[in-house]
Amino acid sequence: EMPNIKFLQEKLGKVKIEAYSRVPLGYGYGLSGALSVAYAIAASE
């Protein structure tokens, strides 16, 4: 239920993302944005 990912699924179509990070989500590292960018590039490719 991440709202940014749900938005991208509806706007771009569905892809599966398995992401790995050495820093945690929700602390200020821009990981939500990174996931959105990864999803967008995946939808393009």
PDB file of all heavy atoms in Angstrom:
ATOM      1  N   GLU A   1       0.799  -1.229   0.000  1.00  0.00           N
ATOM      2  CA  GLU A   1       0.000   0.000   0.000  1.00  0.00           C
ATOM      3  C   GLU A   1       0.834   1.283   0.000  1.00  0.00           C
ATOM      4  O   GLU A   1       0.427   2.291   0.578  1.00  0.00           O
ATOM      5  CB  GLU A   1      -0.963   0.020   1.215  1.00  0.00           C
ATOM      6  CG  GLU A   1      -1.909  -1.162   1.263  1.00  0.00           C
ATOM      7  CD  GLU A   1      -2.823  -1.257   0.039  1.00  0.00           C
ATOM      8  OE1 GLU A   1      -3.333  -0.212  -0.391  1.00  0.00           O
ATOM      9  OE2 GLU A   1      -2.999  -2.375  -0.469  1.00  0.00           O
ATOM     10  N   MET A   2       2.024   1.267  -0.614  1.00  0.00           N
ATOM     11  CA  MET A   2       2.760   2.525  -0.754  1.00  0.00           C
ATOM     12  C   MET A   2       2.053   3.383  -1.801  1.00  0.00           C
ATOM     13  O   MET A   2       1.908   2.965  -2.960  1.00  0.00           O
ATOM     14  CB  MET A   2       4.200   2.272  -1.186  1.00  0.00           C
ATOM     15  CG  MET A   2       5.131   1.918  -0.055  1.00  0.00           C
ATOM     16  SD  MET A   2       6.869   1.950  -0.573  1.00  0.00           S
ATOM     17  CE  MET A   2       7.175   3.713  -0.645  1.00  0.00           C
ATOM     18  N   PRO A   3       1.592   4.587  -1.429  1.00  0.00           N
ATOM     19  CA  PRO A   3       0.778   5.371  -2.366  1.00  0.00           C
ATOM     20  C   PRO A   3       1.501   5.750  -3.647  1.00  0.00           C
ATOM     21  O   PRO A   3       0.885   5.801  -4.713  1.00  0.00           O
ATOM     22  CB  PRO A   3       0.381   6.611  -1.556  1.00  0.00           C
ATOM     23  CG  PRO A   3       1.333   6.663  -0.401  1.00  0.00           C
ATOM     24  CD  PRO A   3       1.714   5.252  -0.119  1.00  0.00           C
ATOM     25  N   ASN A   4       2.805   5.998  -3.580  1.00  0.00           N
ATOM     26  CA  ASN A   4       3.535   6.343  -4.807  1.00  0.00           C
ATOM     27  C   ASN A   4       3.612   5.158  -5.775  1.00  0.00           C
ATOM     28  O   ASN A   4       3.464   5.326  -6.987  1.00  0.00           O
ATOM     29  CB  ASN A   4       4.935   6.874  -4.483  1.00  0.00           C
ATOM     30  CG  ASN A   4       5.768   5.941  -3.632  1.00  0.00           C
ATOM     31  OD1 ASN A   4       5.265   5.349  -2.674  1.00  0.00           O
ATOM     32  ND2 ASN A   4       7.039   5.796  -3.947  1.00  0.00           N
ATOM     33  N   ILE A   5       3.783   3.953  -5.240  1.00  0.00           N
ATOM     34  CA  ILE A   5       3.844   2.774  -6.099  1.00  0.00           C
ATOM     35  C   ILE A   5       2.464   2.456  -6.680  1.00  0.00           C
ATOM     36  O   ILE A   5       2.337   2.122  -7.865  1.00  0.00           O
ATOM     37  CB  ILE A   5       4.397   1.558  -5.320  1.00  0.00           C
ATOM     38  CG1 ILE A   5       5.828   1.855  -4.821  1.00  0.00           C
ATOM     39  CG2 ILE A   5       4.370   0.311  -6.190  1.00  0.00           C
ATOM     40  CD1 ILE A   5       6.832   2.157  -5.917  1.00  0.00           C
ATOM     41  N   LYS A   6       1.423   2.592  -5.883  1.00  0.00           N
ATOM     42  CA  LYS A   6       0.059   2.370  -6.391  1.00  0.00           C
ATOM     43  C   LYS A   6      -0.254   3.348  -7.523  1.00  0.00           C
ATOM     44  O   LYS A   6      -0.855   2.974  -8.538  1.00  0.00           O
ATOM     45  CB  LYS A   6      -0.953   2.526  -5.261  1.00  0.00           C
ATOM     46  CG  LYS A   6      -0.926   1.405  -4.237  1.00  0.00           C
ATOM     47  CD  LYS A   6      -1.964   1.608  -3.158  1.00  0.00           C
ATOM     48  CE  LYS A   6      -3.368   1.462  -3.710  1.00  0.00           C
ATOM     49  NZ  LYS A   6      -4.392   1.595  -2.650  1.00  0.00           N
ATOM     50  N   PHE A   7       0.173   4.605  -7.359  1.00  0.00           N
ATOM     51  CA  PHE A   7      -0.039   5.616  -8.410  1.00  0.00           C
ATOM     52  C   PHE A   7       0.655   5.206  -9.699  1.00  0.00           C
ATOM     53  O   PHE A   7       0.075   5.281 -10.785  1.00  0.00           O
ATOM     54  CB  PHE A   7       0.483   6.967  -7.917  1.00  0.00           C
ATOM     55  CG  PHE A   7       0.415   8.062  -8.949  1.00  0.00           C
ATOM     56  CD1 PHE A   7      -0.701   8.871  -9.053  1.00  0.00           C
ATOM     57  CD2 PHE A   7       1.479   8.294  -9.815  1.00  0.00           C
ATOM     58  CE1 PHE A   7      -0.774   9.886 -10.004  1.00  0.00           C
ATOM     59  CE2 PHE A   7       1.427   9.299 -10.766  1.00  0.00           C
ATOM     60  CZ  PHE A   7       0.296  10.105 -10.857  1.00  0.00           C
ATOM     61  N   LEU A   8       1.902   4.741  -9.586  1.00  0.00           N
ATOM     62  CA  LEU A   8       2.673   4.364 -10.774  1.00  0.00           C
ATOM     63  C   LEU A   8       2.114   3.112 -11.439  1.00  0.00           C
ATOM     64  O   LEU A   8       2.132   2.993 -12.669  1.00  0.00           O
ATOM     65  CB  LEU A   8       4.141   4.172 -10.397  1.00  0.00           C
ATOM     66  CG  LEU A   8       4.873   5.466 -10.019  1.00  0.00           C
ATOM     67  CD1 LEU A   8       6.240   5.162  -9.422  1.00  0.00           C
ATOM     68  CD2 LEU A   8       5.010   6.388 -11.211  1.00  0.00           C
ATOM     69  N   GLN A   9       1.615   2.181 -10.646  1.00  0.00           N
ATOM     70  CA  GLN A   9       0.989   1.000 -11.228  1.00  0.00           C
ATOM     71  C   GLN A   9      -0.197   1.390 -12.103  1.00  0.00           C
ATOM     72  O   GLN A   9      -0.381   0.871 -13.207  1.00  0.00           O
ATOM     73  CB  GLN A   9       0.520   0.056 -10.118  1.00  0.00           C
ATOM     74  CG  GLN A   9       1.644  -0.675  -9.411  1.00  0.00           C
ATOM     75  CD  GLN A   9       1.142  -1.505  -8.244  1.00  0.00           C
ATOM     76  OE1 GLN A   9       0.079  -1.235  -7.675  1.00  0.00           O
ATOM     77  NE2 GLN A   9       1.900  -2.519  -7.876  1.00  0.00           N
ATOM     78  N   GLU A  10      -1.006   2.336 -11.598  1.00  0.00           N
ATOM     79  CA  GLU A  10      -2.193   2.750 -12.340  1.00  0.00           C
ATOM     80  C   GLU A  10      -1.830   3.601 -13.560  1.00  0.00           C
ATOM     81  O   GLU A  10      -2.479   3.521 -14.596  1.00  0.00           O
ATOM     82  CB  GLU A  10      -3.132   3.527 -11.407  1.00  0.00           C
ATOM     83  CG  GLU A  10      -3.722   2.664 -10.301  1.00  0.00           C
ATOM     84  CD  GLU A  10      -4.465   3.468  -9.251  1.00  0.00           C
ATOM     85  OE1 GLU A  10      -4.607   4.702  -9.443  1.00  0.00           O
ATOM     86  OE2 GLU A  10      -4.911   2.879  -8.250  1.00  0.00           O
ATOM     87  N   LYS A  11      -0.777   4.401 -13.440  1.00  0.00           N
ATOM     88  CA  LYS A  11      -0.413   5.334 -14.511  1.00  0.00           C
ATOM     89  C   LYS A  11       0.433   4.670 -15.600  1.00  0.00           C
ATOM     90  O   LYS A  11       0.289   4.985 -16.788  1.00  0.00           O
ATOM     91  CB  LYS A  11       0.351   6.517 -13.916  1.00  0.00           C
ATOM     92  CG  LYS A  11       0.658   7.629 -14.905  1.00  0.00           C
ATOM     93  CD  LYS A  11       0.006   8.910 -14.507  1.00  0.00           C
ATOM     94  CE  LYS A  11       0.276  10.018 -15.485  1.00  0.00           C
ATOM     95  NZ  LYS A  11      -0.345  11.289 -15.114  1.00  0.00           N
ATOM     96  N   LEU A  12       1.327   3.775 -15.205  1.00  0.00           N
ATOM     97  CA  LEU A  12       2.301   3.232 -16.153  1.00  0.00           C
ATOM     98  C   LEU A  12       2.106   1.756 -16.469  1.00  0.00           C
ATOM     99  O   LEU A  12       2.643   1.260 -17.463  1.00  0.00           O
ATOM    100  CB  LEU A  12       3.722   3.431 -15.605  1.00  0.00           C
ATOM    101  CG  LEU A  12       4.154   4.866 -15.304  1.00  0.00           C
ATOM    102  CD1 LEU A  12       5.564   4.876 -14.723  1.00  0.00           C
ATOM    103  CD2 LEU A  12       4.076   5.744 -16.541  1.00  0.00           C
ATOM    104  N   GLY A  13       1.370   1.050 -15.639  1.00  0.00           N
ATOM    105  CA  GLY A  13       1.269  -0.393 -15.781  1.00  0.00           C
ATOM    106  C   GLY A  13       2.063  -1.097 -14.688  1.00  0.00           C
ATOM    107  O   GLY A  13       2.808  -0.462 -13.936  1.00  0.00           O
ATOM    108  N   LYS A  14       1.920  -2.399 -14.599  1.00  0.00           N
ATOM    109  CA  LYS A  14       2.495  -3.141 -13.484  1.00  0.00           C
ATOM    110  C   LYS A  14       3.816  -3.819 -13.857  1.00  0.00           C
ATOM    111  O   LYS A  14       3.928  -4.465 -14.901  1.00  0.00           O
ATOM    112  CB  LYS A  14       1.499  -4.183 -12.987  1.00  0.00           C
ATOM    113  CG  LYS A  14       0.268  -3.541 -12.338  1.00  0.00           C
ATOM    114  CD  LYS A  14      -0.719  -4.570 -11.836  1.00  0.00           C
ATOM    115  CE  LYS A  14      -1.902  -3.871 -11.170  1.00  0.00           C
ATOM    116  NZ  LYS A  14      -2.913  -4.836 -10.675  1.00  0.00           N
ATOM    117  N   VAL A  15       4.804  -3.634 -12.988  1.00  0.00           N
ATOM    118  CA  VAL A  15       6.071  -4.357 -13.061  1.00  0.00           C
ATOM    119  C   VAL A  15       6.426  -4.819 -11.651  1.00  0.00           C
ATOM    120  O   VAL A  15       5.908  -4.293 -10.665  1.00  0.00           O
ATOM    121  CB  VAL A  15       7.211  -3.474 -13.631  1.00  0.00           C
ATOM    122  CG1 VAL A  15       6.957  -3.129 -15.077  1.00  0.00           C
ATOM    123  CG2 VAL A  15       7.399  -2.213 -12.797  1.00  0.00           C
ATOM    124  N   LYS A  16       7.294  -5.800 -11.564  1.00  0.00           N
ATOM    125  CA  LYS A  16       7.739  -6.289 -10.260  1.00  0.00           C
ATOM    126  C   LYS A  16       9.112  -5.717  -9.950  1.00  0.00           C
ATOM    127  O   LYS A  16      10.023  -5.789 -10.775  1.00  0.00           O
ATOM    128  CB  LYS A  16       7.791  -7.815 -10.241  1.00  0.00           C
ATOM    129  CG  LYS A  16       8.173  -8.376  -8.867  1.00  0.00           C
ATOM    130  CD  LYS A  16       8.060  -9.883  -8.809  1.00  0.00           C
ATOM    131  CE  LYS A  16       8.371 -10.396  -7.402  1.00  0.00           C
ATOM    132  NZ  LYS A  16       8.258 -11.868  -7.335  1.00  0.00           N
ATOM    133  N   ILE A  17       9.246  -5.149  -8.767  1.00  0.00           N
ATOM    134  CA  ILE A  17      10.500  -4.537  -8.328  1.00  0.00           C
ATOM    135  C   ILE A  17      10.999  -5.252  -7.077  1.00  0.00           C
ATOM    136  O   ILE A  17      10.271  -5.365  -6.082  1.00  0.00           O
ATOM    137  CB  ILE A  17      10.300  -3.035  -8.010  1.00  0.00           C
ATOM    138  CG1 ILE A  17       9.787  -2.252  -9.218  1.00  0.00           C
ATOM    139  CG2 ILE A  17      11.603  -2.432  -7.459  1.00  0.00           C
ATOM    140  CD1 ILE A  17      10.784  -2.041 -10.314  1.00  0.00           C
ATOM    141  N   GLU A  18      12.217  -5.742  -7.124  1.00  0.00           N
ATOM    142  CA  GLU A  18      12.896  -6.261  -5.935  1.00  0.00           C
ATOM    143  C   GLU A  18      14.104  -5.366  -5.696  1.00  0.00           C
ATOM    144  O   GLU A  18      15.085  -5.427  -6.436  1.00  0.00           O
ATOM    145  CB  GLU A  18      13.309  -7.717  -6.133  1.00  0.00           C
ATOM    146  CG  GLU A  18      12.121  -8.656  -6.298  1.00  0.00           C
ATOM    147  CD  GLU A  18      12.530 -10.115  -6.393  1.00  0.00           C
ATOM    148  OE1 GLU A  18      13.560 -10.478  -5.773  1.00  0.00           O
ATOM    149  OE2 GLU A  18      11.836 -10.878  -7.083  1.00  0.00           O
ATOM    150  N   ALA A  19      13.990  -4.503  -4.686  1.00  0.00           N
ATOM    151  CA  ALA A  19      14.995  -3.472  -4.440  1.00  0.00           C
ATOM    152  C   ALA A  19      15.808  -3.793  -3.185  1.00  0.00           C
ATOM    153  O   ALA A  19      15.309  -4.433  -2.252  1.00  0.00           O
ATOM    154  CB  ALA A  19      14.330  -2.107  -4.308  1.00  0.00           C
ATOM    155  N   TYR A  20      17.051  -3.304  -3.203  1.00  0.00           N
ATOM    156  CA  TYR A  20      17.966  -3.540  -2.085  1.00  0.00           C
ATOM    157  C   TYR A  20      18.632  -2.224  -1.699  1.00  0.00           C
ATOM    158  O   TYR A  20      19.105  -1.479  -2.552  1.00  0.00           O
ATOM    159  CB  TYR A  20      19.018  -4.580  -2.469  1.00  0.00           C
ATOM    160  CG  TYR A  20      18.394  -5.883  -2.908  1.00  0.00           C
ATOM    161  CD1 TYR A  20      18.071  -6.088  -4.248  1.00  0.00           C
ATOM    162  CD2 TYR A  20      18.092  -6.882  -1.990  1.00  0.00           C
ATOM    163  CE1 TYR A  20      17.466  -7.264  -4.652  1.00  0.00           C
ATOM    164  CE2 TYR A  20      17.488  -8.065  -2.398  1.00  0.00           C
ATOM    165  CZ  TYR A  20      17.169  -8.251  -3.725  1.00  0.00           C
ATOM    166  OH  TYR A  20      16.562  -9.404  -4.126  1.00  0.00           O
ATOM    167  N   SER A  21      18.650  -1.958  -0.397  1.00  0.00           N
ATOM    168  CA  SER A  21      19.231  -0.712   0.087  1.00  0.00           C
ATOM    169  C   SER A  21      19.958  -0.956   1.395  1.00  0.00           C
ATOM    170  O   SER A  21      19.499  -1.748   2.237  1.00  0.00           O
ATOM    171  CB  SER A  21      18.132   0.340   0.307  1.00  0.00           C
ATOM    172  OG  SER A  21      18.658   1.486   0.957  1.00  0.00           O
ATOM    173  N   ARG A  22      21.063  -0.246   1.586  1.00  0.00           N
ATOM    174  CA  ARG A  22      21.807  -0.345   2.850  1.00  0.00           C
ATOM    175  C   ARG A  22      21.336   0.682   3.869  1.00  0.00           C
ATOM    176  O   ARG A  22      21.847   0.718   4.988  1.00  0.00           O
ATOM    177  CB  ARG A  22      23.306  -0.183   2.574  1.00  0.00           C
ATOM    178  CG  ARG A  22      23.906  -1.424   1.898  1.00  0.00           C
ATOM    179  CD  ARG A  22      25.334  -1.200   1.454  1.00  0.00           C
ATOM    180  NE  ARG A  22      26.193  -0.747   2.543  1.00  0.00           N
ATOM    181  CZ  ARG A  22      27.434  -0.318   2.389  1.00  0.00           C
ATOM    182  NH1 ARG A  22      27.960  -0.274   1.162  1.00  0.00           N
ATOM    183  NH2 ARG A  22      28.151   0.068   3.413  1.00  0.00           N
ATOM    184  N   VAL A  23      20.381   1.520   3.492  1.00  0.00           N
ATOM    185  CA  VAL A  23      19.804   2.470   4.448  1.00  0.00           C
ATOM    186  C   VAL A  23      18.290   2.240   4.504  1.00  0.00           C
ATOM    187  O   VAL A  23      17.697   1.731   3.553  1.00  0.00           O
ATOM    188  CB  VAL A  23      20.109   3.936   4.062  1.00  0.00           C
ATOM    189  CG1 VAL A  23      21.605   4.200   4.076  1.00  0.00           C
ATOM    190  CG2 VAL A  23      19.505   4.296   2.717  1.00  0.00           C
ATOM    191  N   PRO A  24      17.639   2.621   5.615  1.00  0.00           N
ATOM    192  CA  PRO A  24      16.221   2.306   5.787  1.00  0.00           C
ATOM    193  C   PRO A  24      15.284   3.321   5.130  1.00  0.00           C
ATOM    194  O   PRO A  24      15.657   4.461   4.855  1.00  0.00           O
ATOM    195  CB  PRO A  24      16.053   2.330   7.317  1.00  0.00           C
ATOM    196  CG  PRO A  24      17.091   3.308   7.786  1.00  0.00           C
ATOM    197  CD  PRO A  24      18.257   3.146   6.855  1.00  0.00           C
ATOM    198  N   LEU A  25      14.062   2.878   4.902  1.00  0.00           N
ATOM    199  CA  LEU A  25      13.005   3.698   4.320  1.00  0.00           C
ATOM    200  C   LEU A  25      12.330   4.535   5.395  1.00  0.00           C
ATOM    201  O   LEU A  25      12.055   4.053   6.491  1.00  0.00           O
ATOM    202  CB  LEU A  25      11.977   2.777   3.654  1.00  0.00           C
ATOM    203  CG  LEU A  25      10.735   3.403   3.021  1.00  0.00           C
ATOM    204  CD1 LEU A  25      11.101   4.236   1.809  1.00  0.00           C
ATOM    205  CD2 LEU A  25       9.740   2.304   2.635  1.00  0.00           C
ATOM    206  N   GLY A  26      12.078   5.819   5.074  1.00  0.00           N
ATOM    207  CA  GLY A  26      11.304   6.660   5.971  1.00  0.00           C
ATOM    208  C   GLY A  26      12.109   7.524   6.920  1.00  0.00           C
ATOM    209  O   GLY A  26      11.554   8.134   7.834  1.00  0.00           O
ATOM    210  N   TYR A  27      13.424   7.620   6.710  1.00  0.00           N
ATOM    211  CA  TYR A  27      14.281   8.369   7.625  1.00  0.00           C
ATOM    212  C   TYR A  27      14.850   9.645   7.016  1.00  0.00           C
ATOM    213  O   TYR A  27      15.400  10.466   7.742  1.00  0.00           O
ATOM    214  CB  TYR A  27      15.433   7.479   8.111  1.00  0.00           C
ATOM    215  CG  TYR A  27      15.000   6.422   9.098  1.00  0.00           C
ATOM    216  CD1 TYR A  27      14.336   5.288   8.667  1.00  0.00           C
ATOM    217  CD2 TYR A  27      15.238   6.578  10.457  1.00  0.00           C
ATOM    218  CE1 TYR A  27      13.918   4.315   9.564  1.00  0.00           C
ATOM    219  CE2 TYR A  27      14.837   5.602  11.367  1.00  0.00           C
ATOM    220  CZ  TYR A  27      14.175   4.481  10.911  1.00  0.00           C
ATOM    221  OH  TYR A  27      13.758   3.527  11.810  1.00  0.00           O
ATOM    222  N   GLY A  28      14.763   9.801   5.693  1.00  0.00           N
ATOM    223  CA  GLY A  28      15.275  11.021   5.079  1.00  0.00           C
ATOM    224  C   GLY A  28      16.323  10.800   4.003  1.00  0.00           C
ATOM    225  O   GLY A  28      17.020  11.739   3.621  1.00  0.00           O
ATOM    226  N   TYR A  29      16.433   9.575   3.505  1.00  0.00           N
ATOM    227  CA  TYR A  29      17.418   9.253   2.471  1.00  0.00           C
ATOM    228  C   TYR A  29      16.866   9.347   1.046  1.00  0.00           C
ATOM    229  O   TYR A  29      17.566   9.052   0.083  1.00  0.00           O
ATOM    230  CB  TYR A  29      17.964   7.844   2.677  1.00  0.00           C
ATOM    231  CG  TYR A  29      18.862   7.670   3.880  1.00  0.00           C
ATOM    232  CD1 TYR A  29      18.419   7.007   5.022  1.00  0.00           C
ATOM    233  CD2 TYR A  29      20.173   8.143   3.867  1.00  0.00           C
ATOM    234  CE1 TYR A  29      19.250   6.817   6.122  1.00  0.00           C
ATOM    235  CE2 TYR A  29      21.013   7.958   4.952  1.00  0.00           C
ATOM    236  CZ  TYR A  29      20.551   7.294   6.082  1.00  0.00           C
ATOM    237  OH  TYR A  29      21.376   7.108   7.165  1.00  0.00           O
ATOM    238  N   GLY A  30      15.594   9.707   0.901  1.00  0.00           N
ATOM    239  CA  GLY A  30      15.004   9.772  -0.436  1.00  0.00           C
ATOM    240  C   GLY A  30      14.725   8.413  -1.035  1.00  0.00           C
ATOM    241  O   GLY A  30      14.650   8.278  -2.259  1.00  0.00           O
ATOM    242  N   LEU A  31      14.527   7.375  -0.195  1.00  0.00           N
ATOM    243  CA  LEU A  31      14.311   6.032  -0.726  1.00  0.00           C
ATOM    244  C   LEU A  31      12.968   5.900  -1.437  1.00  0.00           C
ATOM    245  O   LEU A  31      12.840   5.151  -2.410  1.00  0.00           O
ATOM    246  CB  LEU A  31      14.392   4.990   0.391  1.00  0.00           C
ATOM    247  CG  LEU A  31      15.759   4.383   0.681  1.00  0.00           C
ATOM    248  CD1 LEU A  31      15.601   3.205   1.631  1.00  0.00           C
ATOM    249  CD2 LEU A  31      16.450   3.925  -0.584  1.00  0.00           C
ATOM    250  N   SER A  32      11.964   6.608  -0.964  1.00  0.00           N
ATOM    251  CA  SER A  32      10.679   6.576  -1.661  1.00  0.00           C
ATOM    252  C   SER A  32      10.846   7.094  -3.085  1.00  0.00           C
ATOM    253  O   SER A  32      10.357   6.489  -4.051  1.00  0.00           O
ATOM    254  CB  SER A  32       9.641   7.422  -0.910  1.00  0.00           C
ATOM    255  OG  SER A  32       8.442   7.507  -1.640  1.00  0.00           O
ATOM    256  N   GLY A  33      11.563   8.203  -3.236  1.00  0.00           N
ATOM    257  CA  GLY A  33      11.839   8.734  -4.562  1.00  0.00           C
ATOM    258  C   GLY A  33      12.657   7.765  -5.400  1.00  0.00           C
ATOM    259  O   GLY A  33      12.411   7.595  -6.594  1.00  0.00           O
ATOM    260  N   ALA A  34      13.633   7.113  -4.777  1.00  0.00           N
ATOM    261  CA  ALA A  34      14.460   6.151  -5.504  1.00  0.00           C
ATOM    262  C   ALA A  34      13.619   4.982  -6.015  1.00  0.00           C
ATOM    263  O   ALA A  34      13.807   4.503  -7.139  1.00  0.00           O
ATOM    264  CB  ALA A  34      15.588   5.639  -4.603  1.00  0.00           C
ATOM    265  N   LEU A  35      12.672   4.520  -5.205  1.00  0.00           N
ATOM    266  CA  LEU A  35      11.779   3.451  -5.637  1.00  0.00           C
ATOM    267  C   LEU A  35      10.899   3.912  -6.798  1.00  0.00           C
ATOM    268  O   LEU A  35      10.661   3.162  -7.749  1.00  0.00           O
ATOM    269  CB  LEU A  35      10.913   2.976  -4.468  1.00  0.00           C
ATOM    270  CG  LEU A  35      11.638   2.147  -3.409  1.00  0.00           C
ATOM    271  CD1 LEU A  35      10.800   2.055  -2.131  1.00  0.00           C
ATOM    272  CD2 LEU A  35      11.943   0.741  -3.931  1.00  0.00           C
ATOM    273  N   SER A  36      10.419   5.160  -6.713  1.00  0.00           N
ATOM    274  CA  SER A  36       9.601   5.698  -7.803  1.00  0.00           C
ATOM    275  C   SER A  36      10.405   5.804  -9.096  1.00  0.00           C
ATOM    276  O   SER A  36       9.910   5.484 -10.180  1.00  0.00           O
ATOM    277  CB  SER A  36       9.032   7.071  -7.416  1.00  0.00           C
ATOM    278  OG  SER A  36       8.068   6.953  -6.395  1.00  0.00           O
ATOM    279  N   VAL A  37      11.649   6.267  -8.998  1.00  0.00           N
ATOM    280  CA  VAL A  37      12.501   6.376 -10.186  1.00  0.00           C
ATOM    281  C   VAL A  37      12.784   4.990 -10.758  1.00  0.00           C
ATOM    282  O   VAL A  37      12.721   4.776 -11.982  1.00  0.00           O
ATOM    283  CB  VAL A  37      13.815   7.115  -9.852  1.00  0.00           C
ATOM    284  CG1 VAL A  37      14.793   7.024 -11.025  1.00  0.00           C
ATOM    285  CG2 VAL A  37      13.529   8.577  -9.512  1.00  0.00           C
ATOM    286  N   ALA A  38      13.099   4.028  -9.883  1.00  0.00           N
ATOM    287  CA  ALA A  38      13.362   2.665 -10.355  1.00  0.00           C
ATOM    288  C   ALA A  38      12.132   2.095 -11.058  1.00  0.00           C
ATOM    289  O   ALA A  38      12.246   1.443 -12.105  1.00  0.00           O
ATOM    290  CB  ALA A  38      13.762   1.779  -9.175  1.00  0.00           C
ATOM    291  N   TYR A  39      10.965   2.345 -10.500  1.00  0.00           N
ATOM    292  CA  TYR A  39       9.723   1.850 -11.117  1.00  0.00           C
ATOM    293  C   TYR A  39       9.536   2.487 -12.491  1.00  0.00           C
ATOM    294  O   TYR A  39       9.184   1.803 -13.469  1.00  0.00           O
ATOM    295  CB  TYR A  39       8.534   2.160 -10.219  1.00  0.00           C
ATOM    296  CG  TYR A  39       7.293   1.364 -10.565  1.00  0.00           C
ATOM    297  CD1 TYR A  39       6.894   0.299  -9.773  1.00  0.00           C
ATOM    298  CD2 TYR A  39       6.529   1.654 -11.699  1.00  0.00           C
ATOM    299  CE1 TYR A  39       5.767  -0.458 -10.087  1.00  0.00           C
ATOM    300  CE2 TYR A  39       5.416   0.908 -12.024  1.00  0.00           C
ATOM    301  CZ  TYR A  39       5.029  -0.137 -11.210  1.00  0.00           C
ATOM    302  OH  TYR A  39       3.920  -0.888 -11.531  1.00  0.00           O
ATOM    303  N   ALA A  40       9.763   3.796 -12.589  1.00  0.00           N
ATOM    304  CA  ALA A  40       9.583   4.497 -13.864  1.00  0.00           C
ATOM    305  C   ALA A  40      10.532   3.959 -14.931  1.00  0.00           C
ATOM    306  O   ALA A  40      10.128   3.726 -16.079  1.00  0.00           O
ATOM    307  CB  ALA A  40       9.798   5.999 -13.660  1.00  0.00           C
ATOM    308  N   ILE A  41      11.802   3.777 -14.569  1.00  0.00           N
ATOM    309  CA  ILE A  41      12.771   3.245 -15.534  1.00  0.00           C
ATOM    310  C   ILE A  41      12.390   1.819 -15.931  1.00  0.00           C
ATOM    311  O   ILE A  41      12.485   1.438 -17.102  1.00  0.00           O
ATOM    312  CB  ILE A  41      14.192   3.309 -14.954  1.00  0.00           C
ATOM    313  CG1 ILE A  41      14.624   4.779 -14.783  1.00  0.00           C
ATOM    314  CG2 ILE A  41      15.181   2.572 -15.851  1.00  0.00           C
ATOM    315  CD1 ILE A  41      15.961   4.961 -14.092  1.00  0.00           C
ATOM    316  N   ALA A  42      11.936   1.024 -14.960  1.00  0.00           N
ATOM    317  CA  ALA A  42      11.511  -0.345 -15.258  1.00  0.00           C
ATOM    318  C   ALA A  42      10.331  -0.346 -16.231  1.00  0.00           C
ATOM    319  O   ALA A  42      10.305  -1.140 -17.183  1.00  0.00           O
ATOM    320  CB  ALA A  42      11.128  -1.065 -13.970  1.00  0.00           C
ATOM    321  N   ALA A  43       9.361   0.549 -16.017  1.00  0.00           N
ATOM    322  CA  ALA A  43       8.203   0.623 -16.913  1.00  0.00           C
ATOM    323  C   ALA A  43       8.628   1.028 -18.322  1.00  0.00           C
ATOM    324  O   ALA A  43       8.088   0.540 -19.316  1.00  0.00           O
ATOM    325  CB  ALA A  43       7.178   1.606 -16.359  1.00  0.00           C
ATOM    326  N   SER A  44       9.614   1.907 -18.402  1.00  0.00           N
ATOM    327  CA  SER A  44      10.121   2.315 -19.706  1.00  0.00           C
ATOM    328  C   SER A  44      10.817   1.147 -20.408  1.00  0.00           C
ATOM    329  O   SER A  44      10.585   0.880 -21.586  1.00  0.00           O
ATOM    330  CB  SER A  44      11.082   3.495 -19.547  1.00  0.00           C
ATOM    331  OG  SER A  44      11.657   3.850 -20.780  1.00  0.00           O
ATOM    332  N   GLU A  45      11.670   0.438 -19.666  1.00  0.00           N
ATOM    333  CA  GLU A  45      12.450  -0.647 -20.260  1.00  0.00           C
ATOM    334  C   GLU A  45      11.603  -1.876 -20.588  1.00  0.00           C
ATOM    335  O   GLU A  45      11.807  -2.520 -21.619  1.00  0.00           O
ATOM    336  CB  GLU A  45      13.581  -1.054 -19.299  1.00  0.00           C
ATOM    337  CG  GLU A  45      14.646   0.011 -19.090  1.00  0.00           C
ATOM    338  CD  GLU A  45      15.544   0.171 -20.297  1.00  0.00           C
ATOM    339  OE1 GLU A  45      15.823  -0.838 -20.969  1.00  0.00           O
ATOM    340  OE2 GLU A  45      15.966   1.314 -20.569  1.00  0.00           O
TER     341      GLU A  45
END
